[in-house]
Amino acid sequence: MALTLAAMSRVAPVYARGVTIQQEEFGRLGDGRPVAMFTLERPGGIRARISSYGGSVMSLEVPDRAGRPGDVVLGFDDLGGYLRIGGYLGALIGRYGNRIAGARFALDGVEHRLVANEGSNHLHGGAVGFDKVLWTATPQSAAEGPALALDYLSRDGEQGYPGNLSVRVMYTLEDGALRIDYTATTDRDTIVNLTNHTYWNLAGHDVGTVLDHRLAIDAARFAVIGPGRIPTGELRAVAGTPFDFRRAAPIGSRIDGDDEQVQLGEGYDHSFAIDGADGTLRRAARVVEPTTGRALEVLTTEPAVQFYSGNLLGGLRGKDGAVYGRWTGFCLETQHHPDSPNQPAFPPTTLRAGDRYQTTTVYRFSNTD
């Protein structure tokens, strides 16, 4: 029987140096393998809970402008929620985040067929993506704060991908920030596009919709989508469209208009081309929740960020009995554009044998007056 967050007793820290990492059992998979939950905490700062199943960020407690902590991440109380419902809540996504049209791509003239798990398309790594595997979790000593290394070997042919891909994701709890470093190597040329699928609600995971959150995205262009939310290959200027978040605006201010792109996404479910040089750590987005004063700044080395406004959330029973309905959480998934292997105008996602994939994303928290 799965243990709940409230019911689990704490064990001694496995690493302590002014900060702590606690490890607890969070239940067992059907084959008996134990799933661990790790709590990373800084005194007077933020506290994160991360599962070895799917590498999921299960909770993140952040103080508001009055210093009161609140959990700003949507999730489930027990392992059963992640196994039965899933929904990618908080999870690591791979090998390829987002959609690949027709569940196929060509690499050096050879076509590779992937598992189709969204109609005829391939979504978030397939039917058994990185969100549905048990990662090897190891607490780490980091100068910046408590850290957790998650390792997984994706075998050649898994979900149709070529090559044995060795992946490491490092979560580090810095001062006021959660940093995620992704690295991977392969023994055969393949494609890689890793991301994290945390749903945020800065008012609190159980406090209504995110429509009043004020969002700014540092992007002058977004990827136009067609049927199935597959990009057409066009990067369109945001100026004069509901996708212009270069100046902060409420998420809900233009979400239900008659714009064709908004209607195709049933809200926002689009990739934005981040301003600045790819590979450099720069700001992608900033979100402010006016009631609590909590602010989230997203920095990344990736070329794009997928802004998803939680359009398909519908009545999920989450932590503490909360019901997650439409628009009760948003995602800012730093990554490459969807369907990049089939879109020659987009930055490439090929990882060659012997090369190293490496990206960084930082979720930095503060408060407004």
Protein backbone atom coordinates (compact mmCIF):
# COMPACT_ATOMS: atom_id res chain seq x y z
CA MET A 1 0.00 0.00 0.00
CA ALA A 2 1.43 3.36 -0.97
CA LEU A 3 2.37 5.78 1.77
CA THR A 4 1.00 9.31 1.67
CA LEU A 5 3.08 12.44 2.11
CA ALA A 6 1.33 13.10 5.41
CA ALA A 7 1.79 9.55 6.73
CA MET A 8 5.49 9.01 6.02
CA SER A 9 7.92 9.35 8.89
CA ARG A 10 11.21 11.06 8.36
CA VAL A 11 14.56 9.34 8.52
CA ALA A 12 17.96 10.76 9.37
CA PRO A 13 19.50 13.11 6.81
CA VAL A 14 21.75 11.41 4.28
CA TYR A 15 23.64 14.67 3.76
CA ALA A 16 23.87 17.68 6.02
CA ARG A 17 25.98 20.83 5.87
CA GLY A 18 23.62 23.59 6.95
CA VAL A 19 21.20 22.02 4.45
CA THR A 20 19.61 18.59 4.40
CA ILE A 21 18.44 15.82 2.14
CA GLN A 22 15.96 13.40 3.69
CA GLN A 23 15.10 10.03 2.09
CA GLU A 24 11.83 8.17 2.62
CA GLU A 25 10.06 5.26 0.97
CA PHE A 26 7.16 6.40 -1.16
CA GLY A 27 5.73 2.99 -2.02
CA ARG A 28 6.59 0.13 -4.36
CA LEU A 29 6.05 -0.63 -8.00
CA GLY A 30 4.09 -3.67 -9.11
CA ASP A 31 7.30 -5.70 -9.39
CA GLY A 32 8.25 -4.86 -5.81
CA ARG A 33 10.93 -2.27 -6.51
CA PRO A 34 10.88 0.51 -3.89
CA VAL A 35 10.30 4.12 -4.89
CA ALA A 36 12.07 6.80 -2.85
CA MET A 37 11.09 10.37 -2.12
CA PHE A 38 13.83 12.88 -1.34
CA THR A 39 13.30 16.15 0.51
CA LEU A 40 15.84 18.87 -0.27
CA GLU A 41 15.76 21.80 2.12
CA ARG A 42 17.66 24.97 2.90
CA PRO A 43 17.18 26.66 6.28
CA GLY A 44 14.80 29.58 5.85
CA GLY A 45 14.56 28.93 2.13
CA ILE A 46 12.60 26.67 -0.18
CA ARG A 47 11.92 22.97 0.21
CA ALA A 48 11.53 20.47 -2.64
CA ARG A 49 10.29 16.90 -2.70
CA ILE A 50 11.44 14.73 -5.62
CA SER A 51 10.52 11.13 -6.46
CA SER A 52 12.79 8.51 -7.99
CA TYR A 53 9.79 7.42 -10.08
CA GLY A 54 9.75 9.66 -13.13
CA GLY A 55 12.15 12.06 -11.41
CA SER A 56 9.00 13.99 -10.49
CA VAL A 57 9.06 17.27 -8.60
CA MET A 58 6.25 16.42 -6.18
CA SER A 59 6.16 19.61 -4.18
CA LEU A 60 8.02 22.89 -3.84
CA GLU A 61 7.38 25.12 -0.86
CA VAL A 62 8.15 28.80 -1.44
CA PRO A 63 7.47 31.75 0.92
CA ASP A 64 5.07 34.50 -0.10
CA ARG A 65 5.71 38.21 0.48
CA ALA A 66 4.74 37.79 4.17
CA GLY A 67 7.16 34.89 4.59
CA ARG A 68 4.42 32.23 4.69
CA PRO A 69 5.45 29.02 2.86
CA GLY A 70 3.15 27.52 0.26
CA ASP A 71 3.37 24.54 -2.09
CA VAL A 72 3.32 25.89 -5.66
CA VAL A 73 3.51 22.56 -7.55
CA LEU A 74 0.61 20.34 -8.63
CA GLY A 75 1.01 16.69 -7.64
CA PHE A 76 -0.38 13.65 -5.87
CA ASP A 77 -0.31 12.46 -2.26
CA ASP A 78 0.73 8.90 -3.04
CA LEU A 79 2.54 6.83 -5.61
CA GLY A 80 -0.74 5.45 -6.89
CA GLY A 81 -1.66 8.88 -8.26
CA TYR A 82 1.50 9.00 -10.35
CA LEU A 83 1.02 5.41 -11.53
CA ARG A 84 -2.71 5.51 -12.32
CA ILE A 85 -3.26 9.12 -13.38
CA GLY A 86 0.16 10.44 -14.33
CA GLY A 87 -0.49 13.44 -16.52
CA TYR A 88 3.28 14.14 -16.51
CA LEU A 89 2.85 16.16 -13.29
CA GLY A 90 6.33 17.30 -12.24
CA ALA A 91 8.02 14.60 -14.31
CA LEU A 92 11.21 14.39 -16.34
CA ILE A 93 10.41 14.03 -20.03
CA GLY A 94 12.43 12.11 -22.63
CA ARG A 95 13.88 10.96 -24.81
CA TYR A 96 12.02 13.64 -26.72
CA GLY A 97 9.90 16.26 -24.97
CA ASN A 98 6.78 17.30 -26.85
CA ARG A 99 5.46 15.91 -30.15
CA ILE A 100 6.99 14.18 -33.17
CA ALA A 101 4.64 14.06 -36.16
CA GLY A 102 3.67 10.63 -37.42
CA ALA A 103 5.84 9.02 -34.71
CA ARG A 104 8.76 8.88 -37.12
CA PHE A 105 11.91 10.76 -38.08
CA ALA A 106 14.84 10.29 -40.42
CA LEU A 107 18.46 10.46 -39.30
CA ASP A 108 21.23 10.32 -41.93
CA GLY A 109 18.74 8.96 -44.44
CA VAL A 110 17.47 6.15 -42.18
CA GLU A 111 13.86 6.30 -41.00
CA HIS A 112 13.13 5.45 -37.37
CA ARG A 113 9.60 4.58 -36.26
CA LEU A 114 8.66 5.54 -32.71
CA VAL A 115 5.79 4.41 -30.50
CA ALA A 116 2.65 6.43 -31.30
CA ASN A 117 0.86 7.37 -28.08
CA GLU A 118 -1.19 10.41 -29.12
CA GLY A 119 -3.15 9.34 -32.16
CA SER A 120 -0.58 8.89 -34.92
CA ASN A 121 1.96 11.11 -33.16
CA HIS A 122 4.66 10.47 -30.58
CA LEU A 123 4.33 12.52 -27.38
CA HIS A 124 6.81 13.04 -24.53
CA GLY A 125 8.95 9.99 -25.25
CA GLY A 126 6.18 7.50 -25.98
CA ALA A 127 3.96 5.15 -24.02
CA VAL A 128 6.75 4.50 -21.51
CA GLY A 129 8.77 7.68 -21.48
CA PHE A 130 11.19 8.89 -18.83
CA ASP A 131 8.21 9.97 -16.71
CA LYS A 132 7.30 6.30 -16.20
CA VAL A 133 10.65 4.76 -15.29
CA LEU A 134 12.45 4.28 -11.99
CA TRP A 135 15.59 6.41 -11.85
CA THR A 136 18.66 5.62 -9.76
CA ALA A 137 18.78 8.47 -7.24
CA THR A 138 21.95 9.55 -5.40
CA PRO A 139 22.22 12.51 -2.99
CA GLN A 140 25.17 14.74 -3.87
CA SER A 141 27.37 17.22 -2.05
CA ALA A 142 27.21 20.51 -3.97
CA ALA A 143 28.66 23.86 -2.96
CA GLU A 144 25.51 25.62 -4.19
CA GLY A 145 23.18 23.55 -1.97
CA PRO A 146 21.65 20.09 -1.56
CA ALA A 147 21.54 18.14 -4.82
CA LEU A 148 20.08 14.92 -6.14
CA ALA A 149 21.50 13.04 -9.12
CA LEU A 150 19.10 10.89 -11.13
CA ASP A 151 20.52 8.36 -13.59
CA TYR A 152 18.84 6.22 -16.24
CA LEU A 153 20.07 4.07 -19.10
CA SER A 154 17.64 4.11 -22.04
CA ARG A 155 18.41 0.99 -24.07
CA ASP A 156 18.83 0.89 -27.82
CA GLY A 157 15.38 0.53 -29.40
CA GLU A 158 13.45 1.76 -26.37
CA GLN A 159 10.22 3.33 -27.71
CA GLY A 160 11.87 3.11 -31.14
CA TYR A 161 14.89 5.36 -30.46
CA PRO A 162 18.34 4.29 -31.69
CA GLY A 163 21.33 4.01 -29.36
CA ASN A 164 21.99 3.28 -25.71
CA LEU A 165 21.45 6.67 -24.09
CA SER A 166 22.97 7.30 -20.67
CA VAL A 167 21.15 10.17 -18.94
CA ARG A 168 21.89 12.10 -15.77
CA VAL A 169 19.64 14.82 -14.37
CA MET A 170 20.88 16.85 -11.41
CA TYR A 171 18.44 18.75 -9.21
CA THR A 172 20.19 21.37 -7.05
CA LEU A 173 18.42 23.52 -4.48
CA GLU A 174 20.24 26.84 -4.67
CA ASP A 175 19.48 29.95 -2.65
CA GLY A 176 15.91 30.75 -3.75
CA ALA A 177 16.08 28.56 -6.85
CA LEU A 178 15.75 25.03 -8.20
CA ARG A 179 18.42 24.30 -10.79
CA ILE A 180 18.16 21.38 -13.24
CA ASP A 181 21.21 20.19 -15.19
CA TYR A 182 20.65 17.60 -17.93
CA THR A 183 23.47 15.55 -19.47
CA ALA A 184 23.43 12.56 -21.81
CA THR A 185 25.74 10.47 -23.99
CA THR A 186 24.99 7.81 -26.59
CA ASP A 187 26.83 4.98 -28.34
CA ARG A 188 24.86 5.54 -31.55
CA ASP A 189 23.60 8.66 -33.27
CA THR A 190 20.14 9.55 -31.94
CA ILE A 191 17.90 12.50 -31.04
CA VAL A 192 17.46 13.99 -27.58
CA ASN A 193 15.23 16.71 -26.14
CA LEU A 194 14.92 16.56 -22.35
CA THR A 195 12.70 18.75 -20.18
CA ASN A 196 10.68 18.92 -16.98
CA HIS A 197 6.88 19.02 -16.92
CA THR A 198 6.10 20.67 -13.59
CA TYR A 199 2.73 22.42 -13.31
CA TRP A 200 3.01 25.67 -11.35
CA ASN A 201 0.42 27.68 -9.45
CA LEU A 202 2.17 30.44 -7.51
CA ALA A 203 -0.92 31.12 -5.40
CA GLY A 204 -0.71 27.55 -4.13
CA HIS A 205 -1.32 24.18 -5.74
CA ASP A 206 -4.89 24.12 -4.39
CA VAL A 207 -5.88 27.75 -5.05
CA GLY A 208 -8.01 28.16 -8.17
CA THR A 209 -6.83 29.00 -11.67
CA VAL A 210 -3.66 30.70 -12.89
CA LEU A 211 -5.51 33.10 -15.20
CA ASP A 212 -4.61 36.15 -13.07
CA HIS A 213 -0.89 35.28 -13.01
CA ARG A 214 1.06 37.90 -14.96
CA LEU A 215 3.34 36.30 -17.53
CA ALA A 216 6.26 37.70 -19.51
CA ILE A 217 8.05 35.60 -22.14
CA ASP A 218 11.31 36.83 -23.67
CA ALA A 219 10.45 35.80 -27.20
CA ALA A 220 9.67 37.73 -30.37
CA ARG A 221 8.52 34.61 -32.27
CA PHE A 222 6.46 31.51 -31.61
CA ALA A 223 6.02 28.22 -33.48
CA VAL A 224 2.79 28.11 -35.45
CA ILE A 225 0.87 24.84 -35.03
CA GLY A 226 -1.55 22.93 -37.24
CA PRO A 227 -3.86 19.98 -36.55
CA GLY A 228 -2.66 17.76 -33.73
CA ARG A 229 -0.64 20.71 -32.39
CA ILE A 230 2.20 19.82 -34.73
CA PRO A 231 4.31 22.82 -35.82
CA THR A 232 4.04 23.87 -39.44
CA GLY A 233 7.69 24.98 -39.46
CA GLU A 234 6.83 28.69 -39.35
CA LEU A 235 8.20 30.88 -36.57
CA ARG A 236 5.77 33.79 -36.52
CA ALA A 237 6.27 37.23 -34.95
CA VAL A 238 4.30 37.59 -31.70
CA ALA A 239 3.61 41.29 -32.38
CA GLY A 240 -0.09 41.97 -32.73
CA THR A 241 -1.10 38.47 -31.61
CA PRO A 242 -2.32 36.93 -28.33
CA PHE A 243 1.18 35.43 -28.06
CA ASP A 244 2.88 38.75 -27.38
CA PHE A 245 4.05 38.42 -23.78
CA ARG A 246 7.10 40.63 -24.22
CA ARG A 247 5.32 42.90 -21.75
CA ALA A 248 3.74 41.10 -18.83
CA ALA A 249 0.03 40.34 -19.17
CA PRO A 250 -2.41 38.10 -17.28
CA ILE A 251 -2.41 34.55 -18.64
CA GLY A 252 -6.19 34.71 -19.02
CA SER A 253 -6.40 38.08 -20.76
CA ARG A 254 -6.45 36.61 -24.30
CA ILE A 255 -6.85 32.88 -23.70
CA ASP A 256 -10.42 32.44 -24.90
CA GLY A 257 -10.52 34.68 -27.97
CA ASP A 258 -11.17 33.78 -31.60
CA ASP A 259 -7.51 33.60 -32.63
CA GLU A 260 -7.02 30.46 -34.72
CA GLN A 261 -3.80 29.48 -32.94
CA VAL A 262 -5.34 29.84 -29.50
CA GLN A 263 -8.30 27.75 -30.62
CA LEU A 264 -6.06 25.02 -32.05
CA GLY A 265 -4.27 24.81 -28.70
CA GLU A 266 -7.52 25.11 -26.69
CA GLY A 267 -5.59 27.86 -24.95
CA TYR A 268 -1.80 28.19 -24.95
CA ASP A 269 0.18 25.09 -25.91
CA HIS A 270 2.91 26.65 -28.03
CA SER A 271 6.67 26.81 -28.31
CA PHE A 272 8.35 30.23 -28.11
CA ALA A 273 11.79 30.94 -29.60
CA ILE A 274 13.71 32.51 -26.72
CA ASP A 275 15.60 35.72 -27.47
CA GLY A 276 19.38 35.61 -27.20
CA ALA A 277 22.05 33.06 -28.08
CA ASP A 278 21.26 29.36 -27.75
CA GLY A 279 23.52 27.67 -25.21
CA THR A 280 23.79 30.73 -22.98
CA LEU A 281 21.94 30.87 -19.67
CA ARG A 282 19.41 33.65 -20.15
CA ARG A 283 15.91 34.55 -19.05
CA ALA A 284 13.06 32.83 -20.87
CA ALA A 285 10.07 33.91 -18.80
CA ARG A 286 8.87 35.58 -15.62
CA VAL A 287 5.57 35.02 -13.83
CA VAL A 288 4.10 37.03 -10.93
CA GLU A 289 1.11 36.05 -8.80
CA PRO A 290 -0.27 39.39 -7.51
CA THR A 291 -2.10 38.13 -4.39
CA THR A 292 0.81 36.34 -2.72
CA GLY A 293 3.56 38.37 -4.39
CA ARG A 294 5.40 35.22 -5.45
CA ALA A 295 7.46 35.60 -8.61
CA LEU A 296 9.05 32.88 -10.74
CA GLU A 297 11.86 33.58 -13.19
CA VAL A 298 12.90 30.86 -15.66
CA LEU A 299 16.42 30.88 -17.07
CA THR A 300 17.72 28.33 -19.57
CA THR A 301 20.37 27.48 -22.14
CA GLU A 302 17.70 25.95 -24.41
CA PRO A 303 16.47 27.59 -27.65
CA ALA A 304 12.76 27.44 -26.78
CA VAL A 305 10.16 27.24 -24.03
CA GLN A 306 6.79 25.54 -24.33
CA PHE A 307 4.12 27.55 -22.55
CA TYR A 308 1.19 25.30 -21.65
CA SER A 309 -1.73 26.84 -19.76
CA GLY A 310 -3.16 23.59 -18.42
CA ASN A 311 -5.96 23.45 -20.97
CA LEU A 312 -6.59 19.71 -20.65
CA LEU A 313 -6.47 19.45 -16.87
CA GLY A 314 -9.90 18.18 -15.92
CA GLY A 315 -10.91 17.11 -12.43
CA LEU A 316 -7.68 15.40 -11.34
CA ARG A 317 -7.71 14.62 -7.61
CA GLY A 318 -4.42 15.95 -6.29
CA LYS A 319 -2.65 16.56 -3.02
CA ASP A 320 -4.65 17.34 0.12
CA GLY A 321 -7.90 16.60 -1.74
CA ALA A 322 -7.40 19.44 -4.22
CA VAL A 323 -9.14 19.11 -7.57
CA TYR A 324 -7.03 20.25 -10.51
CA GLY A 325 -9.34 21.56 -13.21
CA ARG A 326 -8.73 23.45 -16.41
CA TRP A 327 -6.18 26.26 -16.13
CA THR A 328 -5.29 25.49 -12.48
CA GLY A 329 -1.61 25.12 -13.38
CA PHE A 330 0.80 26.23 -16.11
CA CYS A 331 3.98 24.72 -17.52
CA LEU A 332 7.10 26.43 -18.82
CA GLU A 333 8.99 23.54 -20.43
CA THR A 334 12.44 24.60 -21.58
CA GLN A 335 13.41 22.56 -24.62
CA HIS A 336 13.79 22.45 -28.39
CA HIS A 337 10.77 23.07 -30.58
CA PRO A 338 8.31 20.20 -31.11
CA ASP A 339 8.90 17.99 -34.15
CA SER A 340 12.36 19.46 -34.70
CA PRO A 341 13.72 16.24 -36.30
CA ASN A 342 11.19 16.76 -39.11
CA GLN A 343 11.56 20.55 -39.33
CA PRO A 344 14.87 21.54 -40.98
CA ALA A 345 14.40 25.22 -40.10
CA PHE A 346 14.41 24.46 -36.36
CA PRO A 347 17.61 24.02 -34.31
CA PRO A 348 18.75 20.37 -34.55
CA THR A 349 18.28 17.80 -31.78
CA THR A 350 20.75 15.18 -33.05
CA LEU A 351 23.22 13.76 -30.52
CA ARG A 352 26.16 12.04 -32.18
CA ALA A 353 27.91 9.05 -30.67
CA GLY A 354 30.75 10.28 -28.49
CA ASP A 355 29.31 13.78 -28.09
CA ARG A 356 27.76 15.11 -24.90
CA TYR A 357 24.29 16.60 -24.51
CA GLN A 358 24.20 19.27 -21.80
CA THR A 359 21.57 21.87 -20.88
CA THR A 360 20.65 23.87 -17.78
CA THR A 361 17.42 25.39 -16.54
CA VAL A 362 16.94 27.45 -13.37
CA TYR A 363 13.59 28.19 -11.68
CA ARG A 364 14.32 31.21 -9.49
CA PHE A 365 11.83 32.53 -6.89
CA SER A 366 11.42 35.96 -5.33
CA ASN A 367 8.68 38.22 -4.02
CA THR A 368 7.20 41.47 -5.24
CA ASP A 369 6.09 44.33 -3.00
